């Protein structure tokens, strides 16, 4: 019995390290926070937040694209364009910002990179008269939010 107990903790430790590599987690988390900052800037300048896609490159640069969604056919075309752009630009992560319906002032940022998914919810308040963001709080979600725009971009298995 002592022999069978020794390998078990080693196997569990190795499995944990392979499943969630810390550098990738930190990189994706930082990218989502940077996308949230850009969204906050848009809110302050435009007075509203629109659905957006953020393409994050290994050097830390980020490109932002607005997602004008009008109908189901356009949704399919946007999904293809996001996947093509992620591959063409060799993005290490893609983040999608969407508003939560019937939730007031709340947006969700869903991000994906090879082998990793993460989501955060941002609760905010905006004073239209003074055009200032009076409250901005990021809450990390325990489970990534399913988002059809980014599912399958890096061929990850769920």
N, C-alpha and C. Protein backbone atom coordinates (compact mmCIF):
# COMPACT_ATOMS: atom_id res chain seq x y z
N UNK A 1 0.80 -1.20 0.00
CA UNK A 1 0.00 0.00 0.00
C UNK A 1 0.84 1.27 0.00
N UNK A 2 1.93 1.37 0.75
CA UNK A 2 2.73 2.60 0.70
C UNK A 2 3.24 2.89 -0.70
N UNK A 3 3.58 1.85 -1.49
CA UNK A 3 4.07 2.09 -2.84
C UNK A 3 3.00 2.73 -3.74
N UNK A 4 1.75 2.33 -3.59
CA UNK A 4 0.70 2.88 -4.45
C UNK A 4 0.33 4.31 -4.05
N UNK A 5 0.58 4.71 -2.83
CA UNK A 5 0.24 6.06 -2.39
C UNK A 5 1.26 7.10 -2.87
N UNK A 6 2.50 6.71 -3.09
CA UNK A 6 3.55 7.65 -3.46
C UNK A 6 3.33 8.25 -4.85
N UNK A 7 3.07 7.49 -5.93
CA UNK A 7 2.92 8.10 -7.25
C UNK A 7 1.69 8.99 -7.40
N UNK A 8 0.65 8.75 -6.66
CA UNK A 8 -0.58 9.49 -6.83
C UNK A 8 -0.42 11.00 -6.67
N UNK A 9 0.20 11.53 -5.59
CA UNK A 9 0.36 12.98 -5.48
C UNK A 9 1.20 13.58 -6.60
N UNK A 10 2.19 12.88 -7.09
CA UNK A 10 3.03 13.38 -8.19
C UNK A 10 2.19 13.51 -9.46
N UNK A 11 1.36 12.53 -9.75
CA UNK A 11 0.52 12.56 -10.94
C UNK A 11 -0.49 13.70 -10.87
N UNK A 12 -1.07 13.92 -9.71
CA UNK A 12 -2.05 15.00 -9.55
C UNK A 12 -1.37 16.35 -9.76
N UNK A 13 -0.17 16.54 -9.18
CA UNK A 13 0.56 17.80 -9.35
C UNK A 13 0.91 18.07 -10.80
N UNK A 14 1.34 17.08 -11.53
CA UNK A 14 1.69 17.25 -12.94
C UNK A 14 0.45 17.58 -13.76
N UNK A 15 -0.66 16.93 -13.47
CA UNK A 15 -1.89 17.18 -14.21
C UNK A 15 -2.35 18.61 -14.00
N UNK A 16 -2.27 19.11 -12.78
CA UNK A 16 -2.69 20.48 -12.48
C UNK A 16 -1.84 21.49 -13.25
N UNK A 17 -0.55 21.30 -13.32
CA UNK A 17 0.32 22.24 -14.02
C UNK A 17 0.03 22.28 -15.51
N UNK A 18 -0.28 21.17 -16.10
CA UNK A 18 -0.55 21.11 -17.53
C UNK A 18 -1.90 21.75 -17.85
N UNK A 19 -2.87 21.60 -16.97
CA UNK A 19 -4.22 22.10 -17.24
C UNK A 19 -4.30 23.63 -17.26
N UNK A 20 -3.67 24.30 -16.34
CA UNK A 20 -3.74 25.76 -16.28
C UNK A 20 -2.36 26.38 -16.11
N UNK A 21 -1.66 26.62 -17.22
CA UNK A 21 -0.34 27.25 -17.11
C UNK A 21 -0.47 28.71 -16.69
N UNK A 22 0.15 29.12 -15.56
CA UNK A 22 0.00 30.47 -15.04
C UNK A 22 0.35 31.60 -16.01
N UNK A 23 1.41 31.53 -16.82
CA UNK A 23 1.70 32.68 -17.70
C UNK A 23 0.56 32.98 -18.69
N UNK A 24 -0.08 31.95 -19.22
CA UNK A 24 -1.18 32.16 -20.15
C UNK A 24 -2.37 32.77 -19.43
N UNK A 25 -2.65 32.30 -18.23
CA UNK A 25 -3.76 32.84 -17.45
C UNK A 25 -3.54 34.32 -17.18
N UNK A 26 -2.35 34.69 -16.75
CA UNK A 26 -2.04 36.10 -16.49
C UNK A 26 -2.13 36.93 -17.76
N UNK A 27 -1.64 36.40 -18.87
CA UNK A 27 -1.67 37.14 -20.13
C UNK A 27 -3.11 37.38 -20.58
N UNK A 28 -3.96 36.36 -20.49
CA UNK A 28 -5.36 36.52 -20.89
C UNK A 28 -6.08 37.47 -19.94
N UNK A 29 -5.81 37.35 -18.65
CA UNK A 29 -6.44 38.24 -17.68
C UNK A 29 -6.04 39.69 -17.96
N UNK A 30 -4.77 39.93 -18.20
CA UNK A 30 -4.30 41.28 -18.52
C UNK A 30 -4.94 41.82 -19.79
N UNK A 31 -5.10 40.96 -20.79
CA UNK A 31 -5.71 41.37 -22.06
C UNK A 31 -7.18 41.76 -21.84
N UNK A 32 -7.90 41.00 -21.03
CA UNK A 32 -9.30 41.32 -20.74
C UNK A 32 -9.39 42.64 -19.98
N UNK A 33 -8.49 42.87 -19.04
CA UNK A 33 -8.48 44.13 -18.30
C UNK A 33 -8.19 45.31 -19.23
N UNK A 34 -7.28 45.11 -20.18
CA UNK A 34 -6.95 46.17 -21.14
C UNK A 34 -8.16 46.45 -22.04
N UNK A 35 -8.87 45.41 -22.45
CA UNK A 35 -10.09 45.58 -23.25
C UNK A 35 -11.15 46.34 -22.45
N UNK A 36 -11.27 46.03 -21.17
CA UNK A 36 -12.22 46.74 -20.31
C UNK A 36 -11.86 48.22 -20.23
N UNK A 37 -10.57 48.53 -20.11
CA UNK A 37 -10.13 49.93 -20.07
C UNK A 37 -10.49 50.67 -21.36
N UNK A 38 -10.31 50.00 -22.48
CA UNK A 38 -10.67 50.62 -23.76
C UNK A 38 -12.18 50.87 -23.83
N UNK A 39 -12.96 49.92 -23.31
CA UNK A 39 -14.42 50.07 -23.30
C UNK A 39 -14.83 51.24 -22.42
N UNK A 40 -14.15 51.39 -21.31
CA UNK A 40 -14.44 52.50 -20.40
C UNK A 40 -14.14 53.83 -21.10
N UNK A 41 -13.05 53.89 -21.84
CA UNK A 41 -12.71 55.10 -22.58
C UNK A 41 -13.77 55.41 -23.63
N UNK A 42 -14.27 54.38 -24.31
CA UNK A 42 -15.32 54.58 -25.31
C UNK A 42 -16.58 55.12 -24.65
N UNK A 43 -16.92 54.55 -23.49
CA UNK A 43 -18.11 55.02 -22.77
C UNK A 43 -17.96 56.50 -22.43
N UNK A 44 -16.80 56.90 -21.96
CA UNK A 44 -16.57 58.30 -21.59
C UNK A 44 -16.64 59.22 -22.80
N UNK A 45 -16.15 58.78 -23.95
CA UNK A 45 -16.13 59.66 -25.12
C UNK A 45 -17.42 59.59 -25.96
N UNK A 46 -18.02 58.40 -26.07
CA UNK A 46 -19.20 58.21 -26.91
C UNK A 46 -20.51 58.27 -26.14
N UNK A 47 -20.46 58.03 -24.84
CA UNK A 47 -21.68 58.00 -24.04
C UNK A 47 -22.38 56.66 -24.03
N UNK A 48 -21.79 55.67 -24.70
CA UNK A 48 -22.35 54.32 -24.72
C UNK A 48 -21.25 53.32 -25.07
N UNK A 49 -21.53 52.06 -24.78
CA UNK A 49 -20.61 50.98 -25.13
C UNK A 49 -21.28 50.12 -26.19
N UNK A 50 -20.56 49.89 -27.27
CA UNK A 50 -21.07 49.05 -28.36
C UNK A 50 -20.40 47.68 -28.30
N UNK A 51 -21.06 46.64 -28.82
CA UNK A 51 -20.39 45.34 -28.90
C UNK A 51 -19.12 45.46 -29.74
N UNK A 52 -18.03 44.84 -29.24
CA UNK A 52 -16.73 44.96 -29.90
C UNK A 52 -15.96 43.65 -29.83
N UNK A 53 -15.01 43.52 -30.75
CA UNK A 53 -14.04 42.42 -30.72
C UNK A 53 -12.66 43.05 -30.55
N UNK A 54 -11.85 42.43 -29.70
CA UNK A 54 -10.49 42.88 -29.45
C UNK A 54 -9.55 41.76 -29.88
N UNK A 55 -8.59 42.08 -30.74
CA UNK A 55 -7.61 41.12 -31.20
C UNK A 55 -6.29 41.46 -30.54
N UNK A 56 -5.80 40.56 -29.69
CA UNK A 56 -4.62 40.82 -28.89
C UNK A 56 -3.42 40.09 -29.51
N UNK A 57 -2.34 40.82 -29.72
CA UNK A 57 -1.15 40.26 -30.33
C UNK A 57 -0.09 39.95 -29.28
N UNK A 58 0.83 39.02 -29.57
CA UNK A 58 1.84 38.63 -28.59
C UNK A 58 2.68 39.80 -28.05
N UNK A 59 2.84 40.87 -28.84
CA UNK A 59 3.63 42.01 -28.37
C UNK A 59 2.83 42.95 -27.47
N UNK A 60 1.57 42.61 -27.19
CA UNK A 60 0.74 43.41 -26.31
C UNK A 60 -0.16 44.41 -27.02
N UNK A 61 0.04 44.60 -28.33
CA UNK A 61 -0.84 45.52 -29.05
C UNK A 61 -2.22 44.90 -29.20
N UNK A 62 -3.20 45.76 -29.36
CA UNK A 62 -4.59 45.31 -29.44
C UNK A 62 -5.31 46.11 -30.51
N UNK A 63 -6.03 45.40 -31.38
CA UNK A 63 -6.86 46.05 -32.39
C UNK A 63 -8.31 45.84 -32.00
N UNK A 64 -9.11 46.89 -32.18
CA UNK A 64 -10.51 46.86 -31.79
C UNK A 64 -11.40 47.00 -33.02
N UNK A 65 -12.45 46.19 -33.09
CA UNK A 65 -13.39 46.23 -34.19
C UNK A 65 -14.80 46.25 -33.62
N UNK A 66 -15.64 47.16 -34.12
CA UNK A 66 -17.03 47.24 -33.70
C UNK A 66 -17.81 46.07 -34.31
N UNK A 67 -18.79 45.56 -33.58
CA UNK A 67 -19.60 44.44 -34.06
C UNK A 67 -21.05 44.88 -34.26
N UNK A 68 -21.37 45.40 -35.44
CA UNK A 68 -22.76 45.80 -35.69
C UNK A 68 -23.60 44.58 -36.05
N UNK A 69 -24.40 44.11 -35.13
CA UNK A 69 -25.19 42.90 -35.34
C UNK A 69 -26.64 43.27 -35.63
N UNK A 70 -27.10 42.94 -36.83
CA UNK A 70 -28.47 43.29 -37.21
C UNK A 70 -29.37 42.07 -37.40
N UNK A 71 -28.85 40.99 -37.94
CA UNK A 71 -29.69 39.82 -38.16
C UNK A 71 -28.86 38.54 -38.13
N UNK A 72 -29.54 37.39 -38.24
CA UNK A 72 -28.88 36.09 -38.16
C UNK A 72 -27.85 35.85 -39.25
N UNK A 73 -28.12 36.29 -40.47
CA UNK A 73 -27.16 36.10 -41.56
C UNK A 73 -25.89 36.89 -41.30
N UNK A 74 -26.05 38.09 -40.80
CA UNK A 74 -24.89 38.91 -40.50
C UNK A 74 -24.08 38.29 -39.36
N UNK A 75 -24.76 37.66 -38.41
CA UNK A 75 -24.08 37.02 -37.29
C UNK A 75 -23.11 35.95 -37.80
N UNK A 76 -23.55 35.13 -38.72
CA UNK A 76 -22.69 34.08 -39.29
C UNK A 76 -21.49 34.69 -40.02
N UNK A 77 -21.72 35.76 -40.76
CA UNK A 77 -20.63 36.42 -41.48
C UNK A 77 -19.63 37.03 -40.49
N UNK A 78 -20.12 37.62 -39.40
CA UNK A 78 -19.22 38.19 -38.39
C UNK A 78 -18.39 37.11 -37.71
N UNK A 79 -18.99 35.98 -37.43
CA UNK A 79 -18.26 34.87 -36.81
C UNK A 79 -17.10 34.45 -37.71
N UNK A 80 -17.37 34.29 -39.01
CA UNK A 80 -16.31 33.91 -39.96
C UNK A 80 -15.23 34.98 -40.03
N UNK A 81 -15.65 36.25 -40.08
CA UNK A 81 -14.66 37.34 -40.18
C UNK A 81 -13.78 37.40 -38.94
N UNK A 82 -14.35 37.18 -37.77
CA UNK A 82 -13.56 37.20 -36.53
C UNK A 82 -12.55 36.07 -36.55
N UNK A 83 -12.98 34.88 -36.95
CA UNK A 83 -12.06 33.74 -37.02
C UNK A 83 -10.95 34.00 -38.03
N UNK A 84 -11.30 34.51 -39.20
CA UNK A 84 -10.30 34.79 -40.24
C UNK A 84 -9.31 35.86 -39.78
N UNK A 85 -9.80 36.91 -39.14
CA UNK A 85 -8.93 38.00 -38.68
C UNK A 85 -7.99 37.50 -37.58
N UNK A 86 -8.49 36.67 -36.68
CA UNK A 86 -7.64 36.13 -35.60
C UNK A 86 -6.50 35.32 -36.19
N UNK A 87 -6.79 34.51 -37.19
CA UNK A 87 -5.75 33.69 -37.82
C UNK A 87 -4.81 34.53 -38.68
N UNK A 88 -5.36 35.43 -39.48
CA UNK A 88 -4.54 36.25 -40.38
C UNK A 88 -3.57 37.14 -39.62
N UNK A 89 -3.99 37.63 -38.47
CA UNK A 89 -3.14 38.53 -37.70
C UNK A 89 -2.33 37.82 -36.63
N UNK A 90 -2.43 36.51 -36.58
CA UNK A 90 -1.73 35.71 -35.57
C UNK A 90 -1.98 36.23 -34.15
N UNK A 91 -3.24 36.53 -33.87
CA UNK A 91 -3.63 37.01 -32.54
C UNK A 91 -3.43 35.89 -31.53
N UNK A 92 -2.93 36.24 -30.34
CA UNK A 92 -2.78 35.22 -29.30
C UNK A 92 -4.06 35.10 -28.49
N UNK A 93 -4.93 36.12 -28.57
CA UNK A 93 -6.21 36.07 -27.86
C UNK A 93 -7.23 36.93 -28.60
N UNK A 94 -8.49 36.56 -28.44
CA UNK A 94 -9.60 37.33 -28.97
C UNK A 94 -10.59 37.54 -27.82
N UNK A 95 -11.04 38.77 -27.66
CA UNK A 95 -11.97 39.11 -26.59
C UNK A 95 -13.19 39.76 -27.22
N UNK A 96 -14.36 39.34 -26.76
CA UNK A 96 -15.62 39.90 -27.26
C UNK A 96 -16.32 40.61 -26.11
N UNK A 97 -16.77 41.84 -26.35
CA UNK A 97 -17.53 42.59 -25.37
C UNK A 97 -18.98 42.63 -25.83
N UNK A 98 -19.89 42.22 -24.95
CA UNK A 98 -21.32 42.28 -25.23
C UNK A 98 -22.03 42.84 -24.02
N UNK A 99 -23.15 43.51 -24.27
CA UNK A 99 -23.97 44.00 -23.16
C UNK A 99 -24.90 42.89 -22.70
N UNK A 100 -25.17 42.86 -21.41
CA UNK A 100 -26.12 41.90 -20.88
C UNK A 100 -27.50 42.52 -20.99
N UNK A 101 -28.40 41.82 -21.66
CA UNK A 101 -29.74 42.35 -21.84
C UNK A 101 -30.49 42.34 -20.51
N UNK A 102 -31.32 43.35 -20.33
CA UNK A 102 -32.16 43.49 -19.14
C UNK A 102 -31.35 43.57 -17.84
N UNK A 103 -30.12 43.96 -17.92
CA UNK A 103 -29.29 44.04 -16.72
C UNK A 103 -28.90 45.48 -16.38
N UNK A 104 -29.36 46.43 -17.14
CA UNK A 104 -28.96 47.81 -16.85
C UNK A 104 -27.58 48.09 -17.39
N UNK A 105 -26.72 48.60 -16.57
CA UNK A 105 -25.37 48.96 -16.99
C UNK A 105 -24.40 47.83 -16.66
N UNK A 106 -24.37 46.84 -17.52
CA UNK A 106 -23.49 45.70 -17.30
C UNK A 106 -23.04 45.15 -18.66
N UNK A 107 -21.74 44.87 -18.78
CA UNK A 107 -21.20 44.26 -20.00
C UNK A 107 -20.40 43.02 -19.61
N UNK A 108 -20.25 42.13 -20.58
CA UNK A 108 -19.46 40.92 -20.37
C UNK A 108 -18.33 40.91 -21.37
N UNK A 109 -17.13 40.61 -20.90
CA UNK A 109 -15.96 40.43 -21.75
C UNK A 109 -15.60 38.95 -21.71
N UNK A 110 -15.70 38.29 -22.86
CA UNK A 110 -15.35 36.87 -22.97
C UNK A 110 -14.10 36.75 -23.82
N UNK A 111 -13.08 36.11 -23.28
CA UNK A 111 -11.81 35.99 -23.99
C UNK A 111 -11.40 34.56 -24.20
N UNK A 112 -10.66 34.35 -25.29
CA UNK A 112 -10.15 33.01 -25.60
C UNK A 112 -8.74 33.15 -26.15
N UNK A 113 -7.90 32.23 -25.77
CA UNK A 113 -6.57 32.08 -26.33
C UNK A 113 -6.33 30.57 -26.40
N UNK A 114 -5.30 30.13 -27.07
CA UNK A 114 -5.11 28.68 -27.19
C UNK A 114 -5.10 27.99 -25.82
N UNK A 115 -6.07 27.12 -25.62
CA UNK A 115 -6.16 26.33 -24.39
C UNK A 115 -6.76 27.03 -23.20
N UNK A 116 -7.28 28.24 -23.36
CA UNK A 116 -7.77 29.00 -22.21
C UNK A 116 -8.97 29.85 -22.59
N UNK A 117 -9.97 29.88 -21.72
CA UNK A 117 -11.12 30.78 -21.85
C UNK A 117 -11.32 31.48 -20.52
N UNK A 118 -11.79 32.71 -20.57
CA UNK A 118 -12.07 33.45 -19.34
C UNK A 118 -13.13 34.50 -19.64
N UNK A 119 -13.87 34.88 -18.60
CA UNK A 119 -14.90 35.91 -18.74
C UNK A 119 -14.92 36.79 -17.51
N UNK A 120 -15.26 38.04 -17.75
CA UNK A 120 -15.44 39.00 -16.68
C UNK A 120 -16.68 39.83 -16.97
N UNK A 121 -17.33 40.25 -15.92
CA UNK A 121 -18.51 41.09 -16.01
C UNK A 121 -18.14 42.45 -15.45
N UNK A 122 -18.54 43.51 -16.13
CA UNK A 122 -18.26 44.85 -15.66
C UNK A 122 -19.58 45.54 -15.33
N UNK A 123 -19.73 45.94 -14.08
CA UNK A 123 -20.87 46.75 -13.65
C UNK A 123 -20.40 48.20 -13.68
N UNK A 124 -21.21 49.05 -14.31
CA UNK A 124 -20.79 50.44 -14.40
C UNK A 124 -21.97 51.39 -14.26
N UNK A 125 -21.64 52.63 -13.97
CA UNK A 125 -22.62 53.70 -13.94
C UNK A 125 -22.02 54.86 -14.74
N UNK A 126 -22.91 55.50 -15.51
CA UNK A 126 -22.48 56.60 -16.36
C UNK A 126 -23.44 57.77 -16.18
N UNK A 127 -22.89 58.92 -15.89
CA UNK A 127 -23.69 60.13 -15.74
C UNK A 127 -23.73 60.82 -17.10
N UNK A 128 -24.90 60.78 -17.75
CA UNK A 128 -25.03 61.35 -19.10
C UNK A 128 -24.86 62.86 -19.12
N UNK A 129 -25.29 63.53 -18.05
CA UNK A 129 -25.19 64.99 -18.02
C UNK A 129 -23.73 65.46 -18.00
N UNK A 130 -22.94 64.84 -17.13
CA UNK A 130 -21.53 65.25 -17.04
C UNK A 130 -20.62 64.42 -17.95
N UNK A 131 -21.19 63.39 -18.58
CA UNK A 131 -20.45 62.47 -19.45
C UNK A 131 -19.22 61.90 -18.74
N UNK A 132 -19.48 61.39 -17.52
CA UNK A 132 -18.40 60.77 -16.75
C UNK A 132 -18.82 59.39 -16.28
N UNK A 133 -17.84 58.51 -16.20
CA UNK A 133 -18.05 57.18 -15.66
C UNK A 133 -17.92 57.32 -14.14
N UNK A 134 -19.02 57.09 -13.43
CA UNK A 134 -19.02 57.29 -11.98
C UNK A 134 -18.71 56.01 -11.22
N UNK A 135 -18.85 54.88 -11.88
CA UNK A 135 -18.56 53.59 -11.23
C UNK A 135 -18.15 52.59 -12.30
N UNK A 136 -17.12 51.78 -11.98
CA UNK A 136 -16.62 50.78 -12.94
C UNK A 136 -16.00 49.65 -12.13
N UNK A 137 -16.63 48.49 -12.11
CA UNK A 137 -16.13 47.38 -11.31
C UNK A 137 -16.11 46.09 -12.13
N UNK A 138 -14.92 45.48 -12.22
CA UNK A 138 -14.76 44.21 -12.94
C UNK A 138 -14.91 43.07 -11.94
N UNK A 139 -15.76 42.11 -12.30
CA UNK A 139 -15.94 40.89 -11.51
C UNK A 139 -15.58 39.70 -12.39
N UNK A 140 -14.63 38.90 -11.96
CA UNK A 140 -14.22 37.72 -12.72
C UNK A 140 -15.22 36.60 -12.49
N UNK A 141 -15.62 35.95 -13.56
CA UNK A 141 -16.61 34.87 -13.47
C UNK A 141 -15.89 33.53 -13.30
N UNK A 142 -16.44 32.66 -12.46
CA UNK A 142 -15.83 31.35 -12.23
C UNK A 142 -15.87 30.48 -13.49
N UNK A 143 -16.93 30.58 -14.25
CA UNK A 143 -17.07 29.82 -15.49
C UNK A 143 -17.12 30.78 -16.67
N UNK A 144 -16.35 30.51 -17.74
CA UNK A 144 -16.41 31.38 -18.91
C UNK A 144 -17.82 31.39 -19.52
N UNK A 145 -18.24 32.55 -19.98
CA UNK A 145 -19.53 32.70 -20.62
C UNK A 145 -19.42 32.18 -22.05
N UNK A 146 -20.37 31.38 -22.46
CA UNK A 146 -20.41 30.87 -23.84
C UNK A 146 -20.64 32.04 -24.78
N UNK A 147 -19.81 32.19 -25.81
CA UNK A 147 -19.95 33.27 -26.76
C UNK A 147 -19.72 32.73 -28.17
N UNK A 148 -20.76 32.74 -28.98
CA UNK A 148 -20.70 32.14 -30.31
C UNK A 148 -19.70 32.83 -31.22
N UNK A 149 -19.32 34.09 -30.94
CA UNK A 149 -18.35 34.78 -31.78
C UNK A 149 -16.95 34.19 -31.66
N UNK A 150 -16.59 33.65 -30.49
CA UNK A 150 -15.23 33.17 -30.30
C UNK A 150 -15.11 31.66 -30.15
N UNK A 151 -16.23 30.95 -30.05
CA UNK A 151 -16.15 29.50 -29.90
C UNK A 151 -15.44 28.89 -31.10
N UNK A 152 -14.43 28.09 -30.83
CA UNK A 152 -13.72 27.38 -31.88
C UNK A 152 -12.63 28.15 -32.60
N UNK A 153 -12.35 29.38 -32.21
CA UNK A 153 -11.33 30.16 -32.92
C UNK A 153 -9.98 29.46 -32.90
N UNK A 154 -9.58 28.97 -31.75
CA UNK A 154 -8.28 28.33 -31.64
C UNK A 154 -8.41 26.81 -31.55
N UNK A 155 -9.57 26.30 -31.98
CA UNK A 155 -9.85 24.86 -31.96
C UNK A 155 -9.62 24.24 -30.59
N UNK A 156 -10.07 24.93 -29.54
CA UNK A 156 -9.96 24.38 -28.19
C UNK A 156 -11.14 23.45 -27.97
N UNK A 157 -10.93 22.50 -27.09
CA UNK A 157 -12.01 21.61 -26.73
C UNK A 157 -12.59 22.06 -25.41
N UNK A 158 -13.90 22.06 -25.33
CA UNK A 158 -14.55 22.52 -24.10
C UNK A 158 -14.75 21.38 -23.14
